[in-house]
């Protein structure tokens, strides 16, 4: 924190290593310094975590992801605790044209009607996928808050009410050929830049979400060639497990 710091931005669960932030502690520290806490709640969604209840001032959602849920919307939302912040955000949206078309608004509202059911299904499937990967001999590490081995499992359980999202990452050997073979052999986890649709997908953070970082920055964060991120969909989980077994064989 510096003299010019006005706010702190964090994620409920970090992308792509699924680190869990203690939102209440973060809010307390921010407010002690007179700062606003902004939480990106895309991975958790309001179904798992409501950051405003832990002291956050502003909450961000990529509506493109779980809220709309069907990979057919490009949208975002900001939720404000204070009326003056909400009024300011509304004014900025009007002035800069940051508002949705009627069609995207309708698709978003339609998707949110099933969000609770979808997020529960995503989470249940991801839990089984994570447990499968954790014991697979080809996998070096799995990052999913629902695993008992996750260092912040207790915090994630408390903030997520027993559900842990459909997002997870796992680590293969740092060999591009191994990663390419996995992605080529998998049929149920196609490579995709987005996430959190009803269909499963995979991503390679080194060359997608974290491609703009330097080699040193990526190494420090643990973003290596072998790191693969999965967005686990709501398909029959036995089909997903069979596909992963084939892709990793």
C-alpha atoms as a PDB file:
ATOM      1  CA  UNK A   1       0.000   0.000   0.000  1.00  0.00           C
ATOM      2  CA  UNK A   2       1.283   3.448  -0.995  1.00  0.00           C
ATOM      3  CA  UNK A   3       0.107   6.963  -0.261  1.00  0.00           C
ATOM      4  CA  UNK A   4      -1.689   7.053  -3.617  1.00  0.00           C
ATOM      5  CA  UNK A   5      -3.460   3.685  -3.210  1.00  0.00           C
ATOM      6  CA  UNK A   6      -7.245   4.070  -3.451  1.00  0.00           C
ATOM      7  CA  UNK A   7      -8.471   0.489  -3.628  1.00  0.00           C
ATOM      8  CA  UNK A   8      -7.379  -3.117  -3.536  1.00  0.00           C
ATOM      9  CA  UNK A   9      -8.525  -5.611  -6.173  1.00  0.00           C
ATOM     10  CA  UNK A  10      -8.558  -9.341  -5.471  1.00  0.00           C
ATOM     11  CA  UNK A  11     -10.284 -12.499  -6.660  1.00  0.00           C
ATOM     12  CA  UNK A  12     -12.364 -14.765  -4.445  1.00  0.00           C
ATOM     13  CA  UNK A  13     -10.438 -17.652  -6.029  1.00  0.00           C
ATOM     14  CA  UNK A  14      -7.378 -16.788  -8.068  1.00  0.00           C
ATOM     15  CA  UNK A  15      -6.951 -17.690 -11.722  1.00  0.00           C
ATOM     16  CA  UNK A  16      -5.459 -20.202 -12.465  1.00  0.00           C
ATOM     17  CA  UNK A  17      -4.090 -21.671  -9.208  1.00  0.00           C
ATOM     18  CA  UNK A  18      -7.312 -21.377  -7.194  1.00  0.00           C
ATOM     19  CA  UNK A  19      -5.793 -19.636  -4.192  1.00  0.00           C
ATOM     20  CA  UNK A  20      -8.547 -18.526  -1.810  1.00  0.00           C
ATOM     21  CA  UNK A  21      -8.589 -15.022  -0.363  1.00  0.00           C
ATOM     22  CA  UNK A  22      -9.751 -14.394   3.221  1.00  0.00           C
ATOM     23  CA  UNK A  23     -12.268 -11.722   2.283  1.00  0.00           C
ATOM     24  CA  UNK A  24     -13.134 -10.631   5.818  1.00  0.00           C
ATOM     25  CA  UNK A  25      -9.478 -10.146   6.757  1.00  0.00           C
ATOM     26  CA  UNK A  26      -8.825  -8.348   3.482  1.00  0.00           C
ATOM     27  CA  UNK A  27     -11.784  -5.992   4.004  1.00  0.00           C
ATOM     28  CA  UNK A  28     -10.727  -5.236   7.580  1.00  0.00           C
ATOM     29  CA  UNK A  29      -7.201  -4.343   6.465  1.00  0.00           C
ATOM     30  CA  UNK A  30      -8.438  -2.206   3.584  1.00  0.00           C
ATOM     31  CA  UNK A  31     -10.854  -0.238   5.710  1.00  0.00           C
ATOM     32  CA  UNK A  32      -8.203   0.271   8.387  1.00  0.00           C
ATOM     33  CA  UNK A  33      -6.213   2.129   5.723  1.00  0.00           C
ATOM     34  CA  UNK A  34      -9.217   3.964   4.276  1.00  0.00           C
ATOM     35  CA  UNK A  35      -9.247   1.905   1.057  1.00  0.00           C
ATOM     36  CA  UNK A  36     -12.057   0.237  -0.858  1.00  0.00           C
ATOM     37  CA  UNK A  37     -11.976  -3.508  -1.434  1.00  0.00           C
ATOM     38  CA  UNK A  38     -13.004  -4.683  -4.912  1.00  0.00           C
ATOM     39  CA  UNK A  39     -13.564  -8.434  -5.305  1.00  0.00           C
ATOM     40  CA  UNK A  40     -13.737 -10.299  -8.613  1.00  0.00           C
ATOM     41  CA  UNK A  41     -16.228 -13.027  -7.765  1.00  0.00           C
ATOM     42  CA  UNK A  42     -16.384 -14.645 -11.220  1.00  0.00           C
ATOM     43  CA  UNK A  43     -15.092 -18.087 -10.206  1.00  0.00           C
ATOM     44  CA  UNK A  44     -17.198 -18.325  -7.049  1.00  0.00           C
ATOM     45  CA  UNK A  45     -20.403 -16.580  -8.206  1.00  0.00           C
ATOM     46  CA  UNK A  46     -23.004 -15.363  -5.690  1.00  0.00           C
ATOM     47  CA  UNK A  47     -24.076 -19.002  -5.281  1.00  0.00           C
ATOM     48  CA  UNK A  48     -20.837 -19.832  -3.443  1.00  0.00           C
ATOM     49  CA  UNK A  49     -19.756 -16.511  -1.968  1.00  0.00           C
ATOM     50  CA  UNK A  50     -21.329 -13.100  -1.414  1.00  0.00           C
ATOM     51  CA  UNK A  51     -18.331 -10.775  -0.853  1.00  0.00           C
ATOM     52  CA  UNK A  52     -20.474  -7.863   0.361  1.00  0.00           C
ATOM     53  CA  UNK A  53     -21.324  -9.914   3.471  1.00  0.00           C
ATOM     54  CA  UNK A  54     -17.596 -10.111   4.243  1.00  0.00           C
ATOM     55  CA  UNK A  55     -17.039  -6.362   3.935  1.00  0.00           C
ATOM     56  CA  UNK A  56     -16.235  -5.850   0.237  1.00  0.00           C
ATOM     57  CA  UNK A  57     -17.193  -2.460  -1.196  1.00  0.00           C
ATOM     58  CA  UNK A  58     -17.527  -3.445  -4.855  1.00  0.00           C
ATOM     59  CA  UNK A  59     -17.981  -6.848  -6.488  1.00  0.00           C
ATOM     60  CA  UNK A  60     -17.153  -7.665 -10.109  1.00  0.00           C
ATOM     61  CA  UNK A  61     -18.689 -10.467 -12.160  1.00  0.00           C
ATOM     62  CA  UNK A  62     -17.872 -11.610 -15.656  1.00  0.00           C
ATOM     63  CA  UNK A  63     -21.455 -12.273 -16.682  1.00  0.00           C
ATOM     64  CA  UNK A  64     -19.997 -14.030 -19.723  1.00  0.00           C
ATOM     65  CA  UNK A  65     -19.055 -16.885 -17.430  1.00  0.00           C
ATOM     66  CA  UNK A  66     -21.246 -18.620 -14.821  1.00  0.00           C
ATOM     67  CA  UNK A  67     -23.963 -15.968 -14.500  1.00  0.00           C
ATOM     68  CA  UNK A  68     -25.113 -16.276 -18.122  1.00  0.00           C
ATOM     69  CA  UNK A  69     -23.568 -19.729 -18.343  1.00  0.00           C
ATOM     70  CA  UNK A  70     -24.115 -20.729 -21.974  1.00  0.00           C
ATOM     71  CA  UNK A  71     -21.126 -19.182 -23.813  1.00  0.00           C
ATOM     72  CA  UNK A  72     -23.362 -16.803 -25.756  1.00  0.00           C
ATOM     73  CA  UNK A  73     -22.947 -13.473 -23.943  1.00  0.00           C
ATOM     74  CA  UNK A  74     -20.123 -10.967 -23.528  1.00  0.00           C
ATOM     75  CA  UNK A  75     -20.976  -8.922 -20.464  1.00  0.00           C
ATOM     76  CA  UNK A  76     -19.831  -7.769 -17.038  1.00  0.00           C
ATOM     77  CA  UNK A  77     -21.437  -6.431 -13.886  1.00  0.00           C
ATOM     78  CA  UNK A  78     -20.388  -4.347 -10.903  1.00  0.00           C
ATOM     79  CA  UNK A  79     -22.262  -4.483  -7.611  1.00  0.00           C
ATOM     80  CA  UNK A  80     -21.760  -1.655  -5.095  1.00  0.00           C
ATOM     81  CA  UNK A  81     -22.380  -1.558  -1.361  1.00  0.00           C
ATOM     82  CA  UNK A  82     -22.737   2.230  -1.097  1.00  0.00           C
ATOM     83  CA  UNK A  83     -25.469   4.161  -2.917  1.00  0.00           C
ATOM     84  CA  UNK A  84     -23.007   6.851  -4.003  1.00  0.00           C
ATOM     85  CA  UNK A  85     -20.730   4.256  -5.626  1.00  0.00           C
ATOM     86  CA  UNK A  86     -23.692   2.718  -7.441  1.00  0.00           C
ATOM     87  CA  UNK A  87     -24.787   6.136  -8.692  1.00  0.00           C
ATOM     88  CA  UNK A  88     -21.268   6.928  -9.922  1.00  0.00           C
ATOM     89  CA  UNK A  89     -20.992   3.583 -11.711  1.00  0.00           C
ATOM     90  CA  UNK A  90     -24.367   4.132 -13.354  1.00  0.00           C
ATOM     91  CA  UNK A  91     -23.282   7.557 -14.571  1.00  0.00           C
ATOM     92  CA  UNK A  92     -20.010   6.160 -15.974  1.00  0.00           C
ATOM     93  CA  UNK A  93     -21.958   3.432 -17.769  1.00  0.00           C
ATOM     94  CA  UNK A  94     -24.255   5.970 -19.382  1.00  0.00           C
ATOM     95  CA  UNK A  95     -21.496   8.386 -20.400  1.00  0.00           C
ATOM     96  CA  UNK A  96     -19.172   5.773 -21.884  1.00  0.00           C
ATOM     97  CA  UNK A  97     -21.876   3.506 -23.291  1.00  0.00           C
ATOM     98  CA  UNK A  98     -20.979   0.564 -21.082  1.00  0.00           C
ATOM     99  CA  UNK A  99     -24.485  -0.852 -21.187  1.00  0.00           C
ATOM    100  CA  UNK A 100     -25.815  -4.085 -22.646  1.00  0.00           C
ATOM    101  CA  UNK A 101     -28.011  -4.492 -25.663  1.00  0.00           C
ATOM    102  CA  UNK A 102     -31.543  -5.765 -24.986  1.00  0.00           C
ATOM    103  CA  UNK A 103     -30.652  -9.199 -26.405  1.00  0.00           C
ATOM    104  CA  UNK A 104     -27.580  -9.655 -24.198  1.00  0.00           C
ATOM    105  CA  UNK A 105     -29.547  -8.418 -21.202  1.00  0.00           C
ATOM    106  CA  UNK A 106     -32.272 -10.967 -21.862  1.00  0.00           C
ATOM    107  CA  UNK A 107     -29.778 -13.806 -22.355  1.00  0.00           C
ATOM    108  CA  UNK A 108     -28.042 -12.861 -19.088  1.00  0.00           C
ATOM    109  CA  UNK A 109     -31.275 -12.777 -17.098  1.00  0.00           C
ATOM    110  CA  UNK A 110     -32.366 -16.075 -18.663  1.00  0.00           C
ATOM    111  CA  UNK A 111     -29.061 -17.699 -17.703  1.00  0.00           C
ATOM    112  CA  UNK A 112     -29.201 -16.469 -14.110  1.00  0.00           C
ATOM    113  CA  UNK A 113     -32.526 -18.236 -13.598  1.00  0.00           C
ATOM    114  CA  UNK A 114     -30.670 -21.575 -13.660  1.00  0.00           C
ATOM    115  CA  UNK A 115     -27.402 -20.363 -12.142  1.00  0.00           C
ATOM    116  CA  UNK A 116     -27.880 -22.004  -8.740  1.00  0.00           C
ATOM    117  CA  UNK A 117     -28.576 -25.408 -10.287  1.00  0.00           C
ATOM    118  CA  UNK A 118     -25.748 -25.079 -12.797  1.00  0.00           C
ATOM    119  CA  UNK A 119     -23.098 -23.974 -10.296  1.00  0.00           C
ATOM    120  CA  UNK A 120     -23.983 -26.870  -8.001  1.00  0.00           C
ATOM    121  CA  UNK A 121     -23.649 -29.300 -10.928  1.00  0.00           C
ATOM    122  CA  UNK A 122     -20.351 -27.711 -12.035  1.00  0.00           C
ATOM    123  CA  UNK A 123     -19.017 -27.988  -8.485  1.00  0.00           C
ATOM    124  CA  UNK A 124     -20.043 -31.612  -7.959  1.00  0.00           C
ATOM    125  CA  UNK A 125     -18.460 -32.637 -11.268  1.00  0.00           C
ATOM    126  CA  UNK A 126     -15.277 -30.668 -10.587  1.00  0.00           C
ATOM    127  CA  UNK A 127     -14.909 -32.314  -7.182  1.00  0.00           C
ATOM    128  CA  UNK A 128     -14.928 -35.763  -8.778  1.00  0.00           C
ATOM    129  CA  UNK A 129     -12.579 -34.658 -11.551  1.00  0.00           C
ATOM    130  CA  UNK A 130     -10.145 -33.180  -9.007  1.00  0.00           C
ATOM    131  CA  UNK A 131     -10.190 -36.355  -6.895  1.00  0.00           C
ATOM    132  CA  UNK A 132      -9.563 -38.441 -10.032  1.00  0.00           C
ATOM    133  CA  UNK A 133      -6.642 -36.288 -11.146  1.00  0.00           C
ATOM    134  CA  UNK A 134      -5.111 -36.147  -7.664  1.00  0.00           C
ATOM    135  CA  UNK A 135      -4.332 -39.862  -7.710  1.00  0.00           C
ATOM    136  CA  UNK A 136      -3.514 -40.201 -11.418  1.00  0.00           C
ATOM    137  CA  UNK A 137       0.160 -41.140 -11.952  1.00  0.00           C
ATOM    138  CA  UNK A 138       0.571 -38.737 -14.880  1.00  0.00           C
ATOM    139  CA  UNK A 139      -0.471 -35.719 -12.792  1.00  0.00           C
ATOM    140  CA  UNK A 140       2.038 -33.938 -10.561  1.00  0.00           C
ATOM    141  CA  UNK A 141      -0.332 -31.617  -8.669  1.00  0.00           C
ATOM    142  CA  UNK A 142      -3.986 -30.559  -8.576  1.00  0.00           C
ATOM    143  CA  UNK A 143      -5.281 -27.132  -7.535  1.00  0.00           C
ATOM    144  CA  UNK A 144      -8.875 -27.252  -6.335  1.00  0.00           C
ATOM    145  CA  UNK A 145     -10.217 -25.819  -3.045  1.00  0.00           C
ATOM    146  CA  UNK A 146     -12.550 -28.773  -2.583  1.00  0.00           C
ATOM    147  CA  UNK A 147      -9.653 -31.150  -1.992  1.00  0.00           C
ATOM    148  CA  UNK A 148      -8.671 -31.790   1.621  1.00  0.00           C
ATOM    149  CA  UNK A 149      -5.053 -31.333   0.528  1.00  0.00           C
ATOM    150  CA  UNK A 150      -5.692 -27.761  -0.615  1.00  0.00           C
ATOM    151  CA  UNK A 151      -3.939 -25.452   1.886  1.00  0.00           C
ATOM    152  CA  UNK A 152      -7.043 -23.220   2.183  1.00  0.00           C
ATOM    153  CA  UNK A 153      -9.711 -25.925   2.118  1.00  0.00           C
ATOM    154  CA  UNK A 154     -11.155 -24.794   5.455  1.00  0.00           C
ATOM    155  CA  UNK A 155     -11.422 -21.162   4.381  1.00  0.00           C
ATOM    156  CA  UNK A 156     -12.929 -22.204   1.031  1.00  0.00           C
ATOM    157  CA  UNK A 157     -15.473 -24.399   2.831  1.00  0.00           C
ATOM    158  CA  UNK A 158     -16.524 -21.507   5.056  1.00  0.00           C
ATOM    159  CA  UNK A 159     -16.755 -18.896   2.305  1.00  0.00           C
ATOM    160  CA  UNK A 160     -18.152 -21.305  -0.292  1.00  0.00           C
ATOM    161  CA  UNK A 161     -20.702 -23.135   1.868  1.00  0.00           C
ATOM    162  CA  UNK A 162     -19.473 -26.568   0.804  1.00  0.00           C
ATOM    163  CA  UNK A 163     -19.296 -25.897  -2.948  1.00  0.00           C
ATOM    164  CA  UNK A 164     -16.040 -25.027  -4.669  1.00  0.00           C
ATOM    165  CA  UNK A 165     -16.776 -23.959  -8.270  1.00  0.00           C
ATOM    166  CA  UNK A 166     -16.225 -25.794 -11.517  1.00  0.00           C
ATOM    167  CA  UNK A 167     -12.723 -24.402 -12.079  1.00  0.00           C
ATOM    168  CA  UNK A 168      -9.534 -26.320 -11.348  1.00  0.00           C
ATOM    169  CA  UNK A 169      -5.975 -26.600 -12.574  1.00  0.00           C
ATOM    170  CA  UNK A 170      -3.512 -29.444 -12.626  1.00  0.00           C
ATOM    171  CA  UNK A 171       0.139 -29.859 -13.425  1.00  0.00           C
ATOM    172  CA  UNK A 172       1.678 -32.184 -15.993  1.00  0.00           C
ATOM    173  CA  UNK A 173       5.439 -32.496 -16.559  1.00  0.00           C
ATOM    174  CA  UNK A 174       6.909 -29.297 -18.014  1.00  0.00           C
ATOM    175  CA  UNK A 175       7.069 -30.788 -21.476  1.00  0.00           C
ATOM    176  CA  UNK A 176       5.145 -29.133 -24.308  1.00  0.00           C
ATOM    177  CA  UNK A 177       4.790 -32.462 -26.106  1.00  0.00           C
ATOM    178  CA  UNK A 178       3.057 -34.010 -23.073  1.00  0.00           C
ATOM    179  CA  UNK A 179       0.625 -31.082 -22.778  1.00  0.00           C
ATOM    180  CA  UNK A 180      -0.078 -31.059 -26.520  1.00  0.00           C
ATOM    181  CA  UNK A 181      -0.767 -34.790 -26.496  1.00  0.00           C
ATOM    182  CA  UNK A 182      -3.266 -34.374 -23.647  1.00  0.00           C
ATOM    183  CA  UNK A 183      -5.105 -31.568 -25.441  1.00  0.00           C
ATOM    184  CA  UNK A 184      -5.155 -33.417 -28.758  1.00  0.00           C
ATOM    185  CA  UNK A 185      -6.443 -36.643 -27.204  1.00  0.00           C
ATOM    186  CA  UNK A 186      -9.179 -35.042 -25.093  1.00  0.00           C
ATOM    187  CA  UNK A 187     -12.567 -34.791 -26.788  1.00  0.00           C
ATOM    188  CA  UNK A 188     -14.688 -33.505 -23.882  1.00  0.00           C
ATOM    189  CA  UNK A 189     -12.292 -30.705 -22.854  1.00  0.00           C
ATOM    190  CA  UNK A 190     -11.641 -28.711 -26.046  1.00  0.00           C
ATOM    191  CA  UNK A 191      -9.217 -25.796 -25.894  1.00  0.00           C
ATOM    192  CA  UNK A 192     -11.108 -22.532 -25.347  1.00  0.00           C
ATOM    193  CA  UNK A 193     -10.125 -19.027 -24.224  1.00  0.00           C
ATOM    194  CA  UNK A 194     -13.250 -18.561 -22.086  1.00  0.00           C
ATOM    195  CA  UNK A 195     -14.717 -20.667 -19.284  1.00  0.00           C
ATOM    196  CA  UNK A 196     -17.712 -21.567 -17.135  1.00  0.00           C
ATOM    197  CA  UNK A 197     -20.139 -22.587 -19.846  1.00  0.00           C
ATOM    198  CA  UNK A 198     -22.282 -25.687 -19.548  1.00  0.00           C
ATOM    199  CA  UNK A 199     -19.742 -27.513 -21.743  1.00  0.00           C
ATOM    200  CA  UNK A 200     -16.325 -28.433 -20.368  1.00  0.00           C
ATOM    201  CA  UNK A 201     -13.180 -26.855 -21.784  1.00  0.00           C
ATOM    202  CA  UNK A 202      -9.477 -26.495 -21.065  1.00  0.00           C
ATOM    203  CA  UNK A 203      -6.961 -23.684 -21.263  1.00  0.00           C
ATOM    204  CA  UNK A 204      -3.186 -23.308 -21.145  1.00  0.00           C
ATOM    205  CA  UNK A 205      -2.445 -20.270 -18.921  1.00  0.00           C
ATOM    206  CA  UNK A 206       1.170 -19.910 -20.072  1.00  0.00           C
ATOM    207  CA  UNK A 207       0.039 -18.944 -23.562  1.00  0.00           C
ATOM    208  CA  UNK A 208      -3.389 -17.454 -22.833  1.00  0.00           C
ATOM    209  CA  UNK A 209      -4.316 -15.612 -19.637  1.00  0.00           C
ATOM    210  CA  UNK A 210      -0.695 -15.051 -18.537  1.00  0.00           C
ATOM    211  CA  UNK A 211       1.021 -14.662 -21.902  1.00  0.00           C
ATOM    212  CA  UNK A 212       1.717 -10.932 -21.326  1.00  0.00           C
ATOM    213  CA  UNK A 213       3.923 -11.609 -18.279  1.00  0.00           C
ATOM    214  CA  UNK A 214       7.664 -12.044 -18.481  1.00  0.00           C
ATOM    215  CA  UNK A 215       9.241 -15.480 -18.121  1.00  0.00           C
ATOM    216  CA  UNK A 216      10.455 -14.481 -14.659  1.00  0.00           C
ATOM    217  CA  UNK A 217       7.003 -13.325 -13.533  1.00  0.00           C
ATOM    218  CA  UNK A 218       5.345 -16.507 -14.774  1.00  0.00           C
ATOM    219  CA  UNK A 219       7.971 -18.674 -13.089  1.00  0.00           C
ATOM    220  CA  UNK A 220       7.447 -16.818  -9.804  1.00  0.00           C
ATOM    221  CA  UNK A 221       3.692 -17.427 -10.030  1.00  0.00           C
ATOM    222  CA  UNK A 222       4.078 -21.079 -10.956  1.00  0.00           C
ATOM    223  CA  UNK A 223       2.677 -20.598 -14.464  1.00  0.00           C
ATOM    224  CA  UNK A 224       4.717 -23.213 -16.318  1.00  0.00           C
ATOM    225  CA  UNK A 225       4.362 -25.254 -19.496  1.00  0.00           C
ATOM    226  CA  UNK A 226       2.815 -28.151 -17.599  1.00  0.00           C
ATOM    227  CA  UNK A 227      -0.018 -26.164 -15.992  1.00  0.00           C
ATOM    228  CA  UNK A 228      -3.451 -26.875 -17.505  1.00  0.00           C
ATOM    229  CA  UNK A 229      -6.707 -25.227 -16.419  1.00  0.00           C
ATOM    230  CA  UNK A 230     -10.038 -27.017 -16.714  1.00  0.00           C
ATOM    231  CA  UNK A 231     -13.508 -25.558 -16.753  1.00  0.00           C
ATOM    232  CA  UNK A 232     -15.627 -28.537 -15.743  1.00  0.00           C
ATOM    233  CA  UNK A 233     -19.081 -28.508 -17.305  1.00  0.00           C
ATOM    234  CA  UNK A 234     -22.330 -30.176 -16.374  1.00  0.00           C
ATOM    235  CA  UNK A 235     -22.048 -33.205 -18.663  1.00  0.00           C
ATOM    236  CA  UNK A 236     -22.375 -36.707 -17.139  1.00  0.00           C
ATOM    237  CA  UNK A 237     -19.276 -36.898 -14.957  1.00  0.00           C
ATOM    238  CA  UNK A 238     -18.497 -40.496 -15.913  1.00  0.00           C
ATOM    239  CA  UNK A 239     -18.015 -39.311 -19.503  1.00  0.00           C
ATOM    240  CA  UNK A 240     -15.613 -36.582 -18.361  1.00  0.00           C
ATOM    241  CA  UNK A 241     -13.589 -39.020 -16.262  1.00  0.00           C
ATOM    242  CA  UNK A 242     -13.368 -41.513 -19.110  1.00  0.00           C
ATOM    243  CA  UNK A 243     -12.172 -38.783 -21.452  1.00  0.00           C
ATOM    244  CA  UNK A 244      -9.491 -37.646 -19.006  1.00  0.00           C
ATOM    245  CA  UNK A 245      -8.327 -41.214 -18.480  1.00  0.00           C
ATOM    246  CA  UNK A 246      -7.947 -41.599 -22.239  1.00  0.00           C
ATOM    247  CA  UNK A 247      -6.221 -38.231 -22.720  1.00  0.00           C
ATOM    248  CA  UNK A 248      -3.728 -38.924 -19.926  1.00  0.00           C
ATOM    249  CA  UNK A 249      -2.967 -42.532 -20.911  1.00  0.00           C
END
